[in-house]
PDB file of all heavy atoms in Angstrom:
ATOM      1  N   GLU A   1      -3.037   6.752   1.100  1.00  0.00           N
ATOM      2  CA  GLU A   1      -3.255   5.406   1.619  1.00  0.00           C
ATOM      3  C   GLU A   1      -4.051   5.471   2.916  1.00  0.00           C
ATOM      4  O   GLU A   1      -3.943   6.431   3.681  1.00  0.00           O
ATOM      5  CB  GLU A   1      -1.922   4.696   1.880  1.00  0.00           C
ATOM      6  CG  GLU A   1      -1.016   4.593   0.664  1.00  0.00           C
ATOM      7  CD  GLU A   1       0.007   5.707   0.603  1.00  0.00           C
ATOM      8  OE1 GLU A   1      -0.246   6.785   1.177  1.00  0.00           O
ATOM      9  OE2 GLU A   1       1.072   5.496  -0.010  1.00  0.00           O
ATOM     10  N   SER A   2      -4.810   4.425   3.170  1.00  0.00           N
ATOM     11  CA  SER A   2      -5.559   4.323   4.410  1.00  0.00           C
ATOM     12  C   SER A   2      -5.752   2.854   4.760  1.00  0.00           C
ATOM     13  O   SER A   2      -5.553   1.976   3.922  1.00  0.00           O
ATOM     14  CB  SER A   2      -6.919   5.026   4.304  1.00  0.00           C
ATOM     15  OG  SER A   2      -7.729   4.416   3.315  1.00  0.00           O
ATOM     16  N   GLY A   3      -6.138   2.600   5.990  1.00  0.00           N
ATOM     17  CA  GLY A   3      -6.436   1.247   6.424  1.00  0.00           C
ATOM     18  C   GLY A   3      -5.378   0.591   7.272  1.00  0.00           C
ATOM     19  O   GLY A   3      -5.587  -0.524   7.770  1.00  0.00           O
ATOM     20  N   GLY A   4      -4.242   1.241   7.460  1.00  0.00           N
ATOM     21  CA  GLY A   4      -3.197   0.666   8.282  1.00  0.00           C
ATOM     22  C   GLY A   4      -3.569   0.675   9.751  1.00  0.00           C
ATOM     23  O   GLY A   4      -4.552   1.290  10.164  1.00  0.00           O
ATOM     24  N   GLY A   5      -2.768  -0.023  10.529  1.00  0.00           N
ATOM     25  CA  GLY A   5      -3.014  -0.100  11.957  1.00  0.00           C
ATOM     26  C   GLY A   5      -2.274  -1.258  12.572  1.00  0.00           C
ATOM     27  O   GLY A   5      -1.357  -1.825  11.967  1.00  0.00           O
ATOM     28  N   SER A   6      -2.666  -1.608  13.777  1.00  0.00           N
ATOM     29  CA  SER A   6      -2.053  -2.716  14.510  1.00  0.00           C
ATOM     30  C   SER A   6      -2.989  -3.909  14.530  1.00  0.00           C
ATOM     31  O   SER A   6      -4.202  -3.766  14.732  1.00  0.00           O
ATOM     32  CB  SER A   6      -1.718  -2.291  15.939  1.00  0.00           C
ATOM     33  OG  SER A   6      -0.783  -1.226  15.957  1.00  0.00           O
ATOM     34  N   VAL A   7      -2.419  -5.086  14.328  1.00  0.00           N
ATOM     35  CA  VAL A   7      -3.210  -6.303  14.292  1.00  0.00           C
ATOM     36  C   VAL A   7      -2.369  -7.457  14.823  1.00  0.00           C
ATOM     37  O   VAL A   7      -1.137  -7.436  14.730  1.00  0.00           O
ATOM     38  CB  VAL A   7      -3.698  -6.599  12.854  1.00  0.00           C
ATOM     39  CG1 VAL A   7      -2.514  -6.892  11.939  1.00  0.00           C
ATOM     40  CG2 VAL A   7      -4.703  -7.739  12.838  1.00  0.00           C
ATOM     41  N   GLN A   8      -3.012  -8.441  15.399  1.00  0.00           N
ATOM     42  CA  GLN A   8      -2.306  -9.622  15.878  1.00  0.00           C
ATOM     43  C   GLN A   8      -1.980 -10.563  14.726  1.00  0.00           C
ATOM     44  O   GLN A   8      -2.648 -10.564  13.695  1.00  0.00           O
ATOM     45  CB  GLN A   8      -3.134 -10.357  16.927  1.00  0.00           C
ATOM     46  CG  GLN A   8      -3.299  -9.604  18.233  1.00  0.00           C
ATOM     47  CD  GLN A   8      -4.051 -10.402  19.275  1.00  0.00           C
ATOM     48  OE1 GLN A   8      -4.884 -11.247  18.946  1.00  0.00           O
ATOM     49  NE2 GLN A   8      -3.770 -10.149  20.534  1.00  0.00           N
ATOM     50  N   ALA A   9      -0.943 -11.353  14.912  1.00  0.00           N
ATOM     51  CA  ALA A   9      -0.562 -12.334  13.899  1.00  0.00           C
ATOM     52  C   ALA A   9      -1.742 -13.227  13.546  1.00  0.00           C
ATOM     53  O   ALA A   9      -2.487 -13.674  14.420  1.00  0.00           O
ATOM     54  CB  ALA A   9       0.606 -13.167  14.390  1.00  0.00           C
ATOM     55  N   GLY A  10      -1.896 -13.480  12.256  1.00  0.00           N
ATOM     56  CA  GLY A  10      -3.010 -14.269  11.776  1.00  0.00           C
ATOM     57  C   GLY A  10      -4.216 -13.443  11.379  1.00  0.00           C
ATOM     58  O   GLY A  10      -5.137 -13.973  10.739  1.00  0.00           O
ATOM     59  N   GLY A  11      -4.210 -12.182  11.730  1.00  0.00           N
ATOM     60  CA  GLY A  11      -5.320 -11.311  11.414  1.00  0.00           C
ATOM     61  C   GLY A  11      -5.240 -10.762  10.005  1.00  0.00           C
ATOM     62  O   GLY A  11      -4.366 -11.122   9.215  1.00  0.00           O
ATOM     63  N   SER A  12      -6.166  -9.870   9.697  1.00  0.00           N
ATOM     64  CA  SER A  12      -6.261  -9.300   8.360  1.00  0.00           C
ATOM     65  C   SER A  12      -6.427  -7.795   8.417  1.00  0.00           C
ATOM     66  O   SER A  12      -6.935  -7.243   9.396  1.00  0.00           O
ATOM     67  CB  SER A  12      -7.454  -9.900   7.603  1.00  0.00           C
ATOM     68  OG  SER A  12      -7.340 -11.307   7.467  1.00  0.00           O
ATOM     69  N   LEU A  13      -5.988  -7.150   7.370  1.00  0.00           N
ATOM     70  CA  LEU A  13      -6.193  -5.726   7.181  1.00  0.00           C
ATOM     71  C   LEU A  13      -6.516  -5.476   5.720  1.00  0.00           C
ATOM     72  O   LEU A  13      -6.127  -6.250   4.847  1.00  0.00           O
ATOM     73  CB  LEU A  13      -4.952  -4.913   7.566  1.00  0.00           C
ATOM     74  CG  LEU A  13      -4.651  -4.715   9.048  1.00  0.00           C
ATOM     75  CD1 LEU A  13      -3.305  -4.018   9.214  1.00  0.00           C
ATOM     76  CD2 LEU A  13      -5.751  -3.902   9.717  1.00  0.00           C
ATOM     77  N   TRP A  14      -7.197  -4.386   5.457  1.00  0.00           N
ATOM     78  CA  TRP A  14      -7.557  -3.999   4.104  1.00  0.00           C
ATOM     79  C   TRP A  14      -7.066  -2.583   3.870  1.00  0.00           C
ATOM     80  O   TRP A  14      -7.593  -1.636   4.446  1.00  0.00           O
ATOM     81  CB  TRP A  14      -9.073  -4.099   3.918  1.00  0.00           C
ATOM     82  CG  TRP A  14      -9.538  -3.918   2.513  1.00  0.00           C
ATOM     83  CD1 TRP A  14      -8.775  -3.679   1.408  1.00  0.00           C
ATOM     84  CD2 TRP A  14     -10.893  -3.971   2.056  1.00  0.00           C
ATOM     85  NE1 TRP A  14      -9.570  -3.570   0.284  1.00  0.00           N
ATOM     86  CE2 TRP A  14     -10.875  -3.746   0.659  1.00  0.00           C
ATOM     87  CE3 TRP A  14     -12.114  -4.189   2.688  1.00  0.00           C
ATOM     88  CZ2 TRP A  14     -12.026  -3.728  -0.121  1.00  0.00           C
ATOM     89  CZ3 TRP A  14     -13.274  -4.178   1.923  1.00  0.00           C
ATOM     90  CH2 TRP A  14     -13.216  -3.959   0.533  1.00  0.00           C
ATOM     91  N   LEU A  15      -6.053  -2.461   3.045  1.00  0.00           N
ATOM     92  CA  LEU A  15      -5.502  -1.163   2.707  1.00  0.00           C
ATOM     93  C   LEU A  15      -6.161  -0.626   1.446  1.00  0.00           C
ATOM     94  O   LEU A  15      -6.524  -1.387   0.543  1.00  0.00           O
ATOM     95  CB  LEU A  15      -3.994  -1.240   2.492  1.00  0.00           C
ATOM     96  CG  LEU A  15      -3.156  -1.824   3.629  1.00  0.00           C
ATOM     97  CD1 LEU A  15      -1.675  -1.736   3.277  1.00  0.00           C
ATOM     98  CD2 LEU A  15      -3.438  -1.110   4.940  1.00  0.00           C
ATOM     99  N   SER A  16      -6.289   0.677   1.381  1.00  0.00           N
ATOM    100  CA  SER A  16      -6.882   1.306   0.218  1.00  0.00           C
ATOM    101  C   SER A  16      -6.032   2.493  -0.212  1.00  0.00           C
ATOM    102  O   SER A  16      -5.536   3.250   0.622  1.00  0.00           O
ATOM    103  CB  SER A  16      -8.310   1.768   0.529  1.00  0.00           C
ATOM    104  OG  SER A  16      -8.923   2.345  -0.607  1.00  0.00           O
ATOM    105  N   CYS A  17      -5.862   2.639  -1.506  1.00  0.00           N
ATOM    106  CA  CYS A  17      -5.136   3.764  -2.082  1.00  0.00           C
ATOM    107  C   CYS A  17      -6.093   4.556  -2.954  1.00  0.00           C
ATOM    108  O   CYS A  17      -6.572   4.044  -3.974  1.00  0.00           O
ATOM    109  CB  CYS A  17      -3.944   3.270  -2.901  1.00  0.00           C
ATOM    110  SG  CYS A  17      -3.080   4.573  -3.809  1.00  0.00           S
ATOM    111  N   ALA A  18      -6.366   5.774  -2.553  1.00  0.00           N
ATOM    112  CA  ALA A  18      -7.257   6.645  -3.305  1.00  0.00           C
ATOM    113  C   ALA A  18      -6.445   7.569  -4.197  1.00  0.00           C
ATOM    114  O   ALA A  18      -5.545   8.259  -3.721  1.00  0.00           O
ATOM    115  CB  ALA A  18      -8.132   7.456  -2.359  1.00  0.00           C
ATOM    116  N   ALA A  19      -6.762   7.571  -5.472  1.00  0.00           N
ATOM    117  CA  ALA A  19      -6.068   8.402  -6.445  1.00  0.00           C
ATOM    118  C   ALA A  19      -6.965   9.546  -6.885  1.00  0.00           C
ATOM    119  O   ALA A  19      -8.147   9.354  -7.165  1.00  0.00           O
ATOM    120  CB  ALA A  19      -5.638   7.579  -7.654  1.00  0.00           C
ATOM    121  N   SER A  20      -6.396  10.733  -6.961  1.00  0.00           N
ATOM    122  CA  SER A  20      -7.126  11.902  -7.419  1.00  0.00           C
ATOM    123  C   SER A  20      -6.249  12.717  -8.352  1.00  0.00           C
ATOM    124  O   SER A  20      -5.027  12.615  -8.323  1.00  0.00           O
ATOM    125  CB  SER A  20      -7.593  12.760  -6.239  1.00  0.00           C
ATOM    126  OG  SER A  20      -6.489  13.246  -5.499  1.00  0.00           O
ATOM    127  N   GLY A  21      -6.885  13.524  -9.186  1.00  0.00           N
ATOM    128  CA  GLY A  21      -6.164  14.318 -10.156  1.00  0.00           C
ATOM    129  C   GLY A  21      -6.318  13.742 -11.548  1.00  0.00           C
ATOM    130  O   GLY A  21      -7.330  13.118 -11.872  1.00  0.00           O
ATOM    131  N   ASN A  22      -5.304  13.924 -12.370  1.00  0.00           N
ATOM    132  CA  ASN A  22      -5.346  13.480 -13.759  1.00  0.00           C
ATOM    133  C   ASN A  22      -4.961  12.009 -13.861  1.00  0.00           C
ATOM    134  O   ASN A  22      -3.807  11.659 -14.129  1.00  0.00           O
ATOM    135  CB  ASN A  22      -4.421  14.335 -14.613  1.00  0.00           C
ATOM    136  CG  ASN A  22      -4.556  14.022 -16.094  1.00  0.00           C
ATOM    137  OD1 ASN A  22      -5.525  13.398 -16.518  1.00  0.00           O
ATOM    138  ND2 ASN A  22      -3.571  14.460 -16.873  1.00  0.00           N
ATOM    139  N   THR A  23      -5.952  11.148 -13.648  1.00  0.00           N
ATOM    140  CA  THR A  23      -5.714   9.710 -13.698  1.00  0.00           C
ATOM    141  C   THR A  23      -6.489   9.034 -14.820  1.00  0.00           C
ATOM    142  O   THR A  23      -6.663   7.816 -14.809  1.00  0.00           O
ATOM    143  CB  THR A  23      -6.098   9.061 -12.360  1.00  0.00           C
ATOM    144  OG1 THR A  23      -7.483   9.300 -12.095  1.00  0.00           O
ATOM    145  CG2 THR A  23      -5.268   9.635 -11.221  1.00  0.00           C
ATOM    146  N   ALA A  24      -6.947   9.801 -15.806  1.00  0.00           N
ATOM    147  CA  ALA A  24      -7.767   9.251 -16.873  1.00  0.00           C
ATOM    148  C   ALA A  24      -6.972   8.393 -17.852  1.00  0.00           C
ATOM    149  O   ALA A  24      -7.511   7.463 -18.446  1.00  0.00           O
ATOM    150  CB  ALA A  24      -8.474  10.372 -17.629  1.00  0.00           C
ATOM    151  N   SER A  25      -5.712   8.685 -18.042  1.00  0.00           N
ATOM    152  CA  SER A  25      -4.895   7.936 -18.976  1.00  0.00           C
ATOM    153  C   SER A  25      -4.538   6.565 -18.408  1.00  0.00           C
ATOM    154  O   SER A  25      -4.704   6.304 -17.222  1.00  0.00           O
ATOM    155  CB  SER A  25      -3.623   8.710 -19.315  1.00  0.00           C
ATOM    156  OG  SER A  25      -2.846   8.933 -18.155  1.00  0.00           O
ATOM    157  N   ARG A  26      -4.057   5.696 -19.283  1.00  0.00           N
ATOM    158  CA  ARG A  26      -3.631   4.377 -18.839  1.00  0.00           C
ATOM    159  C   ARG A  26      -2.429   4.514 -17.916  1.00  0.00           C
ATOM    160  O   ARG A  26      -1.502   5.277 -18.181  1.00  0.00           O
ATOM    161  CB  ARG A  26      -3.276   3.503 -20.041  1.00  0.00           C
ATOM    162  CG  ARG A  26      -4.443   3.208 -20.965  1.00  0.00           C
ATOM    163  CD  ARG A  26      -3.992   2.408 -22.172  1.00  0.00           C
ATOM    164  NE  ARG A  26      -3.480   1.100 -21.795  1.00  0.00           N
ATOM    165  CZ  ARG A  26      -2.875   0.267 -22.638  1.00  0.00           C
ATOM    166  NH1 ARG A  26      -2.707   0.620 -23.903  1.00  0.00           N
ATOM    167  NH2 ARG A  26      -2.447  -0.907 -22.207  1.00  0.00           N
ATOM    168  N   TYR A  27      -2.455   3.786 -16.832  1.00  0.00           N
ATOM    169  CA  TYR A  27      -1.372   3.854 -15.868  1.00  0.00           C
ATOM    170  C   TYR A  27      -1.219   2.520 -15.159  1.00  0.00           C
ATOM    171  O   TYR A  27      -2.106   1.675 -15.206  1.00  0.00           O
ATOM    172  CB  TYR A  27      -1.616   4.969 -14.846  1.00  0.00           C
ATOM    173  CG  TYR A  27      -2.934   4.858 -14.111  1.00  0.00           C
ATOM    174  CD1 TYR A  27      -3.079   4.025 -13.015  1.00  0.00           C
ATOM    175  CD2 TYR A  27      -4.042   5.602 -14.519  1.00  0.00           C
ATOM    176  CE1 TYR A  27      -4.286   3.924 -12.332  1.00  0.00           C
ATOM    177  CE2 TYR A  27      -5.250   5.514 -13.854  1.00  0.00           C
ATOM    178  CZ  TYR A  27      -5.362   4.668 -12.753  1.00  0.00           C
ATOM    179  OH  TYR A  27      -6.560   4.578 -12.088  1.00  0.00           O
ATOM    180  N   CYS A  28      -0.099   2.352 -14.515  1.00  0.00           N
ATOM    181  CA  CYS A  28       0.130   1.187 -13.682  1.00  0.00           C
ATOM    182  C   CYS A  28       0.186   1.640 -12.228  1.00  0.00           C
ATOM    183  O   CYS A  28       0.497   2.797 -11.931  1.00  0.00           O
ATOM    184  CB  CYS A  28       1.435   0.481 -14.072  1.00  0.00           C
ATOM    185  SG  CYS A  28       2.907   1.531 -14.025  1.00  0.00           S
ATOM    186  N   MET A  29      -0.122   0.740 -11.344  1.00  0.00           N
ATOM    187  CA  MET A  29      -0.071   1.046  -9.923  1.00  0.00           C
ATOM    188  C   MET A  29       0.553  -0.120  -9.182  1.00  0.00           C
ATOM    189  O   MET A  29       0.586  -1.247  -9.684  1.00  0.00           O
ATOM    190  CB  MET A  29      -1.470   1.343  -9.377  1.00  0.00           C
ATOM    191  CG  MET A  29      -2.126   2.567  -9.980  1.00  0.00           C
ATOM    192  SD  MET A  29      -3.715   2.987  -9.211  1.00  0.00           S
ATOM    193  CE  MET A  29      -3.151   3.605  -7.611  1.00  0.00           C
ATOM    194  N   ALA A  30       1.032   0.162  -7.992  1.00  0.00           N
ATOM    195  CA  ALA A  30       1.690  -0.872  -7.208  1.00  0.00           C
ATOM    196  C   ALA A  30       1.653  -0.525  -5.735  1.00  0.00           C
ATOM    197  O   ALA A  30       1.488   0.634  -5.352  1.00  0.00           O
ATOM    198  CB  ALA A  30       3.138  -1.053  -7.669  1.00  0.00           C
ATOM    199  N   TRP A  31       1.815  -1.539  -4.927  1.00  0.00           N
ATOM    200  CA  TRP A  31       2.001  -1.385  -3.489  1.00  0.00           C
ATOM    201  C   TRP A  31       3.424  -1.790  -3.139  1.00  0.00           C
ATOM    202  O   TRP A  31       3.916  -2.828  -3.603  1.00  0.00           O
ATOM    203  CB  TRP A  31       1.020  -2.246  -2.695  1.00  0.00           C
ATOM    204  CG  TRP A  31      -0.337  -1.640  -2.533  1.00  0.00           C
ATOM    205  CD1 TRP A  31      -1.440  -1.877  -3.283  1.00  0.00           C
ATOM    206  CD2 TRP A  31      -0.733  -0.697  -1.534  1.00  0.00           C
ATOM    207  NE1 TRP A  31      -2.510  -1.154  -2.825  1.00  0.00           N
ATOM    208  CE2 TRP A  31      -2.105  -0.414  -1.746  1.00  0.00           C
ATOM    209  CE3 TRP A  31      -0.070  -0.070  -0.471  1.00  0.00           C
ATOM    210  CZ2 TRP A  31      -2.820   0.474  -0.943  1.00  0.00           C
ATOM    211  CZ3 TRP A  31      -0.785   0.820   0.320  1.00  0.00           C
ATOM    212  CH2 TRP A  31      -2.142   1.080   0.081  1.00  0.00           C
ATOM    213  N   PHE A  32       4.065  -0.971  -2.332  1.00  0.00           N
ATOM    214  CA  PHE A  32       5.400  -1.231  -1.818  1.00  0.00           C
ATOM    215  C   PHE A  32       5.346  -1.248  -0.299  1.00  0.00           C
ATOM    216  O   PHE A  32       4.393  -0.756   0.305  1.00  0.00           O
ATOM    217  CB  PHE A  32       6.389  -0.147  -2.258  1.00  0.00           C
ATOM    218  CG  PHE A  32       6.731  -0.154  -3.725  1.00  0.00           C
ATOM    219  CD1 PHE A  32       5.848   0.345  -4.664  1.00  0.00           C
ATOM    220  CD2 PHE A  32       7.955  -0.645  -4.157  1.00  0.00           C
ATOM    221  CE1 PHE A  32       6.161   0.359  -6.008  1.00  0.00           C
ATOM    222  CE2 PHE A  32       8.292  -0.636  -5.499  1.00  0.00           C
ATOM    223  CZ  PHE A  32       7.394  -0.139  -6.427  1.00  0.00           C
ATOM    224  N   ARG A  33       6.389  -1.774   0.298  1.00  0.00           N
ATOM    225  CA  ARG A  33       6.533  -1.679   1.743  1.00  0.00           C
ATOM    226  C   ARG A  33       8.005  -1.556   2.101  1.00  0.00           C
ATOM    227  O   ARG A  33       8.879  -2.008   1.367  1.00  0.00           O
ATOM    228  CB  ARG A  33       5.911  -2.881   2.459  1.00  0.00           C
ATOM    229  CG  ARG A  33       6.636  -4.204   2.245  1.00  0.00           C
ATOM    230  CD  ARG A  33       5.880  -5.335   2.935  1.00  0.00           C
ATOM    231  NE  ARG A  33       6.553  -6.614   2.780  1.00  0.00           N
ATOM    232  CZ  ARG A  33       6.048  -7.775   3.179  1.00  0.00           C
ATOM    233  NH1 ARG A  33       4.846  -7.806   3.764  1.00  0.00           N
ATOM    234  NH2 ARG A  33       6.726  -8.895   2.999  1.00  0.00           N
ATOM    235  N   GLN A  34       8.252  -0.932   3.233  1.00  0.00           N
ATOM    236  CA  GLN A  34       9.613  -0.777   3.707  1.00  0.00           C
ATOM    237  C   GLN A  34       9.631  -0.849   5.226  1.00  0.00           C
ATOM    238  O   GLN A  34       8.889  -0.134   5.895  1.00  0.00           O
ATOM    239  CB  GLN A  34      10.222   0.541   3.240  1.00  0.00           C
ATOM    240  CG  GLN A  34      11.692   0.678   3.583  1.00  0.00           C
ATOM    241  CD  GLN A  34      12.343   1.861   2.897  1.00  0.00           C
ATOM    242  OE1 GLN A  34      11.684   2.838   2.574  1.00  0.00           O
ATOM    243  NE2 GLN A  34      13.642   1.765   2.666  1.00  0.00           N
ATOM    244  N   ALA A  35      10.465  -1.724   5.738  1.00  0.00           N
ATOM    245  CA  ALA A  35      10.654  -1.879   7.165  1.00  0.00           C
ATOM    246  C   ALA A  35      12.053  -1.413   7.533  1.00  0.00           C
ATOM    247  O   ALA A  35      12.957  -1.412   6.691  1.00  0.00           O
ATOM    248  CB  ALA A  35      10.459  -3.336   7.577  1.00  0.00           C
ATOM    249  N   PRO A  36      12.270  -1.015   8.788  1.00  0.00           N
ATOM    250  CA  PRO A  36      13.616  -0.595   9.207  1.00  0.00           C
ATOM    251  C   PRO A  36      14.653  -1.659   8.911  1.00  0.00           C
ATOM    252  O   PRO A  36      14.457  -2.836   9.216  1.00  0.00           O
ATOM    253  CB  PRO A  36      13.449  -0.363  10.708  1.00  0.00           C
ATOM    254  CG  PRO A  36      12.001  -0.025  10.870  1.00  0.00           C
ATOM    255  CD  PRO A  36      11.289  -0.889   9.866  1.00  0.00           C
ATOM    256  N   GLY A  37      15.753  -1.245   8.308  1.00  0.00           N
ATOM    257  CA  GLY A  37      16.823  -2.165   7.990  1.00  0.00           C
ATOM    258  C   GLY A  37      16.619  -2.969   6.721  1.00  0.00           C
ATOM    259  O   GLY A  37      17.450  -3.826   6.401  1.00  0.00           O
ATOM    260  N   ARG A  38      15.549  -2.724   6.009  1.00  0.00           N
ATOM    261  CA  ARG A  38      15.270  -3.451   4.777  1.00  0.00           C
ATOM    262  C   ARG A  38      15.109  -2.482   3.608  1.00  0.00           C
ATOM    263  O   ARG A  38      14.761  -1.321   3.794  1.00  0.00           O
ATOM    264  CB  ARG A  38      13.994  -4.285   4.909  1.00  0.00           C
ATOM    265  CG  ARG A  38      14.011  -5.327   6.020  1.00  0.00           C
ATOM    266  CD  ARG A  38      12.690  -6.063   6.059  1.00  0.00           C
ATOM    267  NE  ARG A  38      12.600  -7.011   7.153  1.00  0.00           N
ATOM    268  CZ  ARG A  38      11.523  -7.728   7.445  1.00  0.00           C
ATOM    269  NH1 ARG A  38      10.428  -7.599   6.708  1.00  0.00           N
ATOM    270  NH2 ARG A  38      11.548  -8.560   8.474  1.00  0.00           N
ATOM    271  N   GLU A  39      15.360  -2.994   2.409  1.00  0.00           N
ATOM    272  CA  GLU A  39      15.114  -2.207   1.215  1.00  0.00           C
ATOM    273  C   GLU A  39      13.620  -2.169   0.924  1.00  0.00           C
ATOM    274  O   GLU A  39      12.860  -3.044   1.322  1.00  0.00           O
ATOM    275  CB  GLU A  39      15.856  -2.795   0.014  1.00  0.00           C
ATOM    276  CG  GLU A  39      17.363  -2.662   0.073  1.00  0.00           C
ATOM    277  CD  GLU A  39      18.017  -3.106  -1.212  1.00  0.00           C
ATOM    278  OE1 GLU A  39      17.648  -4.189  -1.712  1.00  0.00           O
ATOM    279  OE2 GLU A  39      18.882  -2.373  -1.720  1.00  0.00           O
ATOM    280  N   ARG A  40      13.217  -1.129   0.214  1.00  0.00           N
ATOM    281  CA  ARG A  40      11.826  -1.035  -0.184  1.00  0.00           C
ATOM    282  C   ARG A  40      11.498  -2.171  -1.142  1.00  0.00           C
ATOM    283  O   ARG A  40      12.240  -2.432  -2.094  1.00  0.00           O
ATOM    284  CB  ARG A  40      11.548   0.324  -0.835  1.00  0.00           C
ATOM    285  CG  ARG A  40      10.079   0.563  -1.137  1.00  0.00           C
ATOM    286  CD  ARG A  40       9.790   2.034  -1.351  1.00  0.00           C
ATOM    287  NE  ARG A  40      10.581   2.600  -2.418  1.00  0.00           N
ATOM    288  CZ  ARG A  40      10.648   3.895  -2.703  1.00  0.00           C
ATOM    289  NH1 ARG A  40       9.962   4.765  -1.959  1.00  0.00           N
ATOM    290  NH2 ARG A  40      11.393   4.327  -3.694  1.00  0.00           N
ATOM    291  N   GLU A  41      10.388  -2.836  -0.912  1.00  0.00           N
ATOM    292  CA  GLU A  41      10.010  -4.030  -1.643  1.00  0.00           C
ATOM    293  C   GLU A  41       8.686  -3.822  -2.360  1.00  0.00           C
ATOM    294  O   GLU A  41       7.711  -3.397  -1.742  1.00  0.00           O
ATOM    295  CB  GLU A  41       9.901  -5.224  -0.681  1.00  0.00           C
ATOM    296  CG  GLU A  41       9.393  -6.513  -1.313  1.00  0.00           C
ATOM    297  CD  GLU A  41       9.099  -7.583  -0.284  1.00  0.00           C
ATOM    298  OE1 GLU A  41       8.907  -7.240   0.897  1.00  0.00           O
ATOM    299  OE2 GLU A  41       9.061  -8.778  -0.661  1.00  0.00           O
ATOM    300  N   ARG A  42       8.645  -4.133  -3.634  1.00  0.00           N
ATOM    301  CA  ARG A  42       7.390  -4.119  -4.374  1.00  0.00           C
ATOM    302  C   ARG A  42       6.666  -5.427  -4.095  1.00  0.00           C
ATOM    303  O   ARG A  42       7.166  -6.504  -4.424  1.00  0.00           O
ATOM    304  CB  ARG A  42       7.625  -3.940  -5.877  1.00  0.00           C
ATOM    305  CG  ARG A  42       6.324  -3.740  -6.662  1.00  0.00           C
ATOM    306  CD  ARG A  42       6.563  -3.520  -8.152  1.00  0.00           C
ATOM    307  NE  ARG A  42       6.976  -4.744  -8.817  1.00  0.00           N
ATOM    308  CZ  ARG A  42       8.149  -4.911  -9.398  1.00  0.00           C
ATOM    309  NH1 ARG A  42       9.033  -3.920  -9.413  1.00  0.00           N
ATOM    310  NH2 ARG A  42       8.432  -6.063  -9.992  1.00  0.00           N
ATOM    311  N   ILE A  43       5.497  -5.345  -3.507  1.00  0.00           N
ATOM    312  CA  ILE A  43       4.796  -6.552  -3.096  1.00  0.00           C
ATOM    313  C   ILE A  43       3.645  -6.922  -4.023  1.00  0.00           C
ATOM    314  O   ILE A  43       3.253  -8.091  -4.078  1.00  0.00           O
ATOM    315  CB  ILE A  43       4.284  -6.434  -1.649  1.00  0.00           C
ATOM    316  CG1 ILE A  43       3.355  -5.227  -1.495  1.00  0.00           C
ATOM    317  CG2 ILE A  43       5.460  -6.329  -0.676  1.00  0.00           C
ATOM    318  CD1 ILE A  43       2.694  -5.137  -0.140  1.00  0.00           C
TER     319      ILE A  43
END
């Protein structure tokens, strides 16, 4: 993953996930997030 950082409220960020290796077959992908005190959430 890349693109994270600090931003002020109302701003924008663009995250990117680069995949390498054997990814030729059909697959699903997802983004998750986890904050302290919270369960991991599929967003």
